[in-house]
Amino acid sequence: MSFRFVSTIETRSVDAIPPGFTGRVRVVAGGRLECVVWFSAGDMDNPEPRTPAFVRFRESGKPKQVRHYRQGRLHDPAMGQPAVEGYFADGSVKYREHFRYGRRHDCGATPAISKWRNDGSIRVQHHYYEGLRIEPVTHQLAG
């Protein structure tokens, strides 16, 4: 059995965090948990690979937005898993954004940005390479 000591600060604003802080910050306003943020040496950083560094909650307690960071920069936590994910009030996915070391970047054939309507249909998709917006290349074979 192992134990891990985690420093936790509860505050009304992330701006009140001391420089170089390592640990968890719980932002509470009006008695409601608004977000949980993890820091390492002052930078937002996932405490472990699958645990996001930032989670903002709705009044219902459901997640509104989840963000994964590596050393203060948005970064996909695993292949195919987006760095940023936003949710509608019903819990369905509203948008996903893929990042590589702080820059928007497609994840294979998956666009860096995908946004959905509440009915589940795609609203918009944008492709990026190393932070630059690109148009996907499509090949047409001569027939």
C-alpha atoms as a PDB file:
ATOM      1  CA  MET A   1       0.000   0.000   0.000  1.00  0.00           C
ATOM      2  CA  SER A   2       1.305   3.449  -0.863  1.00  0.00           C
ATOM      3  CA  PHE A   3       0.234   6.875   0.279  1.00  0.00           C
ATOM      4  CA  ARG A   4       0.618  10.155  -1.498  1.00  0.00           C
ATOM      5  CA  PHE A   5       0.483  13.515   0.251  1.00  0.00           C
ATOM      6  CA  VAL A   6      -1.344  16.143  -1.792  1.00  0.00           C
ATOM      7  CA  SER A   7      -1.316  19.824  -0.865  1.00  0.00           C
ATOM      8  CA  THR A   8      -4.759  21.283  -1.432  1.00  0.00           C
ATOM      9  CA  ILE A   9      -5.716  24.945  -1.479  1.00  0.00           C
ATOM     10  CA  GLU A  10      -9.351  26.015  -1.449  1.00  0.00           C
ATOM     11  CA  THR A  11      -9.855  29.517  -2.826  1.00  0.00           C
ATOM     12  CA  ARG A  12     -12.282  31.797  -4.687  1.00  0.00           C
ATOM     13  CA  SER A  13      -9.853  32.437  -7.568  1.00  0.00           C
ATOM     14  CA  VAL A  14      -6.941  30.639  -9.240  1.00  0.00           C
ATOM     15  CA  ASP A  15      -5.173  34.034  -9.277  1.00  0.00           C
ATOM     16  CA  ALA A  16      -4.552  33.661  -5.521  1.00  0.00           C
ATOM     17  CA  ILE A  17      -2.223  30.657  -5.995  1.00  0.00           C
ATOM     18  CA  PRO A  18       1.353  31.232  -4.806  1.00  0.00           C
ATOM     19  CA  PRO A  19       4.080  31.073  -7.502  1.00  0.00           C
ATOM     20  CA  GLY A  20       5.695  27.649  -7.809  1.00  0.00           C
ATOM     21  CA  PHE A  21       2.795  25.851  -6.068  1.00  0.00           C
ATOM     22  CA  THR A  22       2.540  22.080  -6.468  1.00  0.00           C
ATOM     23  CA  GLY A  23      -0.762  20.411  -5.630  1.00  0.00           C
ATOM     24  CA  ARG A  24      -4.491  20.701  -6.113  1.00  0.00           C
ATOM     25  CA  VAL A  25      -6.575  23.872  -6.104  1.00  0.00           C
ATOM     26  CA  ARG A  26     -10.298  23.781  -5.481  1.00  0.00           C
ATOM     27  CA  VAL A  27     -12.065  26.974  -6.588  1.00  0.00           C
ATOM     28  CA  VAL A  28     -15.257  27.419  -4.578  1.00  0.00           C
ATOM     29  CA  ALA A  29     -17.660  30.336  -4.970  1.00  0.00           C
ATOM     30  CA  GLY A  30     -20.954  30.712  -3.155  1.00  0.00           C
ATOM     31  CA  GLY A  31     -20.512  27.291  -1.581  1.00  0.00           C
ATOM     32  CA  ARG A  32     -20.299  25.610  -5.012  1.00  0.00           C
ATOM     33  CA  LEU A  33     -17.255  23.864  -6.469  1.00  0.00           C
ATOM     34  CA  GLU A  34     -16.482  25.720  -9.717  1.00  0.00           C
ATOM     35  CA  CYS A  35     -13.274  23.981 -10.791  1.00  0.00           C
ATOM     36  CA  VAL A  36     -10.373  21.793  -9.734  1.00  0.00           C
ATOM     37  CA  VAL A  37      -6.895  22.644 -11.018  1.00  0.00           C
ATOM     38  CA  TRP A  38      -3.658  20.672 -10.556  1.00  0.00           C
ATOM     39  CA  PHE A  39      -0.275  22.412 -10.519  1.00  0.00           C
ATOM     40  CA  SER A  40       3.325  21.223 -10.607  1.00  0.00           C
ATOM     41  CA  ALA A  41       6.005  23.834  -9.841  1.00  0.00           C
ATOM     42  CA  GLY A  42       3.537  26.607 -10.711  1.00  0.00           C
ATOM     43  CA  ASP A  43       2.397  25.162 -14.067  1.00  0.00           C
ATOM     44  CA  MET A  44      -0.875  23.387 -14.762  1.00  0.00           C
ATOM     45  CA  ASP A  45       0.012  19.730 -15.111  1.00  0.00           C
ATOM     46  CA  ASN A  46      -1.922  16.450 -15.092  1.00  0.00           C
ATOM     47  CA  PRO A  47      -1.214  14.763 -11.743  1.00  0.00           C
ATOM     48  CA  GLU A  48      -1.237  11.422 -13.568  1.00  0.00           C
ATOM     49  CA  PRO A  49      -1.699  10.567 -17.255  1.00  0.00           C
ATOM     50  CA  ARG A  50      -5.487  10.075 -17.278  1.00  0.00           C
ATOM     51  CA  THR A  51      -6.369  12.730 -14.674  1.00  0.00           C
ATOM     52  CA  PRO A  52      -6.952  16.181 -16.216  1.00  0.00           C
ATOM     53  CA  ALA A  53      -5.149  19.219 -14.825  1.00  0.00           C
ATOM     54  CA  PHE A  54      -8.299  21.334 -15.102  1.00  0.00           C
ATOM     55  CA  VAL A  55     -11.999  20.512 -14.678  1.00  0.00           C
ATOM     56  CA  ARG A  56     -14.715  23.197 -14.646  1.00  0.00           C
ATOM     57  CA  PHE A  57     -18.094  22.128 -13.248  1.00  0.00           C
ATOM     58  CA  ARG A  58     -21.674  23.175 -13.970  1.00  0.00           C
ATOM     59  CA  GLU A  59     -24.042  24.127 -11.149  1.00  0.00           C
ATOM     60  CA  SER A  60     -25.409  20.576 -11.369  1.00  0.00           C
ATOM     61  CA  GLY A  61     -21.933  19.219 -10.531  1.00  0.00           C
ATOM     62  CA  LYS A  62     -21.411  17.720 -14.004  1.00  0.00           C
ATOM     63  CA  PRO A  63     -18.230  18.642 -15.897  1.00  0.00           C
ATOM     64  CA  LYS A  64     -18.519  21.592 -18.269  1.00  0.00           C
ATOM     65  CA  GLN A  65     -14.934  21.503 -19.574  1.00  0.00           C
ATOM     66  CA  VAL A  66     -11.923  19.232 -19.079  1.00  0.00           C
ATOM     67  CA  ARG A  67      -8.357  20.192 -20.044  1.00  0.00           C
ATOM     68  CA  HIS A  68      -5.146  18.158 -20.016  1.00  0.00           C
ATOM     69  CA  TYR A  69      -1.791  19.895 -19.576  1.00  0.00           C
ATOM     70  CA  ARG A  70       1.823  18.798 -19.673  1.00  0.00           C
ATOM     71  CA  GLN A  71       4.238  21.244 -18.029  1.00  0.00           C
ATOM     72  CA  GLY A  72       1.860  24.173 -18.456  1.00  0.00           C
ATOM     73  CA  ARG A  73       0.945  23.479 -22.090  1.00  0.00           C
ATOM     74  CA  LEU A  74      -2.196  21.871 -23.459  1.00  0.00           C
ATOM     75  CA  HIS A  75      -1.299  18.372 -24.630  1.00  0.00           C
ATOM     76  CA  ASP A  76      -3.284  15.258 -25.588  1.00  0.00           C
ATOM     77  CA  PRO A  77      -2.904  12.814 -22.674  1.00  0.00           C
ATOM     78  CA  ALA A  78      -2.907   9.751 -24.970  1.00  0.00           C
ATOM     79  CA  MET A  79      -3.219   9.006 -28.674  1.00  0.00           C
ATOM     80  CA  GLY A  80      -6.789   9.688 -29.736  1.00  0.00           C
ATOM     81  CA  GLN A  81      -7.752  11.422 -26.491  1.00  0.00           C
ATOM     82  CA  PRO A  82      -8.250  15.203 -26.816  1.00  0.00           C
ATOM     83  CA  ALA A  83      -6.517  17.765 -24.608  1.00  0.00           C
ATOM     84  CA  VAL A  84      -9.722  19.807 -24.311  1.00  0.00           C
ATOM     85  CA  GLU A  85     -13.268  18.528 -24.145  1.00  0.00           C
ATOM     86  CA  GLY A  86     -16.441  20.560 -23.526  1.00  0.00           C
ATOM     87  CA  TYR A  87     -19.882  19.224 -22.676  1.00  0.00           C
ATOM     88  CA  PHE A  88     -23.496  20.263 -23.081  1.00  0.00           C
ATOM     89  CA  ALA A  89     -25.633  20.395 -19.918  1.00  0.00           C
ATOM     90  CA  ASP A  90     -26.949  16.889 -20.670  1.00  0.00           C
ATOM     91  CA  GLY A  91     -23.380  15.515 -20.620  1.00  0.00           C
ATOM     92  CA  SER A  92     -22.996  14.945 -24.364  1.00  0.00           C
ATOM     93  CA  VAL A  93     -19.815  16.192 -26.046  1.00  0.00           C
ATOM     94  CA  LYS A  94     -19.995  19.765 -27.361  1.00  0.00           C
ATOM     95  CA  TYR A  95     -16.417  20.100 -28.675  1.00  0.00           C
ATOM     96  CA  ARG A  96     -13.002  18.431 -28.688  1.00  0.00           C
ATOM     97  CA  GLU A  97      -9.625  20.002 -29.318  1.00  0.00           C
ATOM     98  CA  HIS A  98      -6.346  18.181 -29.901  1.00  0.00           C
ATOM     99  CA  PHE A  99      -3.025  19.751 -28.924  1.00  0.00           C
ATOM    100  CA  ARG A 100       0.616  18.759 -29.087  1.00  0.00           C
ATOM    101  CA  TYR A 101       2.925  20.665 -26.730  1.00  0.00           C
ATOM    102  CA  GLY A 102       0.633  23.693 -26.561  1.00  0.00           C
ATOM    103  CA  ARG A 103      -0.205  23.921 -30.260  1.00  0.00           C
ATOM    104  CA  ARG A 104      -3.363  22.745 -31.970  1.00  0.00           C
ATOM    105  CA  HIS A 105      -2.501  19.691 -34.021  1.00  0.00           C
ATOM    106  CA  ASP A 106      -4.553  17.036 -35.815  1.00  0.00           C
ATOM    107  CA  CYS A 107      -4.599  13.617 -34.204  1.00  0.00           C
ATOM    108  CA  GLY A 108      -3.945  11.401 -37.223  1.00  0.00           C
ATOM    109  CA  ALA A 109      -6.953  11.841 -39.535  1.00  0.00           C
ATOM    110  CA  THR A 110      -8.989  13.411 -36.706  1.00  0.00           C
ATOM    111  CA  PRO A 111      -9.265  17.217 -36.983  1.00  0.00           C
ATOM    112  CA  ALA A 112      -7.694  19.305 -34.227  1.00  0.00           C
ATOM    113  CA  ILE A 113     -11.062  20.952 -33.590  1.00  0.00           C
ATOM    114  CA  SER A 114     -14.454  19.274 -33.801  1.00  0.00           C
ATOM    115  CA  LYS A 115     -17.699  20.878 -32.622  1.00  0.00           C
ATOM    116  CA  TRP A 116     -21.118  19.253 -32.426  1.00  0.00           C
ATOM    117  CA  ARG A 117     -24.700  20.457 -32.223  1.00  0.00           C
ATOM    118  CA  ASN A 118     -26.818  19.254 -29.320  1.00  0.00           C
ATOM    119  CA  ASP A 119     -28.519  16.760 -31.673  1.00  0.00           C
ATOM    120  CA  GLY A 120     -25.141  15.034 -32.227  1.00  0.00           C
ATOM    121  CA  SER A 121     -24.485  16.290 -35.761  1.00  0.00           C
ATOM    122  CA  ILE A 122     -21.130  17.857 -36.651  1.00  0.00           C
ATOM    123  CA  ARG A 123     -21.229  21.663 -36.645  1.00  0.00           C
ATOM    124  CA  VAL A 124     -17.630  22.425 -37.659  1.00  0.00           C
ATOM    125  CA  GLN A 125     -14.207  20.787 -38.024  1.00  0.00           C
ATOM    126  CA  HIS A 126     -10.840  22.503 -38.441  1.00  0.00           C
ATOM    127  CA  HIS A 127      -7.486  20.956 -39.233  1.00  0.00           C
ATOM    128  CA  TYR A 128      -4.202  22.209 -37.767  1.00  0.00           C
ATOM    129  CA  TYR A 129      -0.556  21.314 -38.082  1.00  0.00           C
ATOM    130  CA  GLU A 130       1.813  22.580 -35.366  1.00  0.00           C
ATOM    131  CA  GLY A 131      -0.592  25.399 -34.509  1.00  0.00           C
ATOM    132  CA  LEU A 132      -1.238  26.513 -38.105  1.00  0.00           C
ATOM    133  CA  ARG A 133      -4.672  26.057 -39.635  1.00  0.00           C
ATOM    134  CA  ILE A 134      -4.556  23.942 -42.784  1.00  0.00           C
ATOM    135  CA  GLU A 135      -6.940  22.588 -45.358  1.00  0.00           C
ATOM    136  CA  PRO A 136      -6.924  18.806 -45.620  1.00  0.00           C
ATOM    137  CA  VAL A 137      -5.406  17.387 -48.770  1.00  0.00           C
ATOM    138  CA  THR A 138      -7.697  15.110 -50.728  1.00  0.00           C
ATOM    139  CA  HIS A 139      -6.513  13.052 -53.667  1.00  0.00           C
ATOM    140  CA  GLN A 140      -8.739  12.387 -56.611  1.00  0.00           C
ATOM    141  CA  LEU A 141      -7.812   9.581 -58.923  1.00  0.00           C
ATOM    142  CA  ALA A 142      -8.158  10.232 -62.644  1.00  0.00           C
ATOM    143  CA  GLY A 143     -10.754   7.894 -64.065  1.00  0.00           C
END
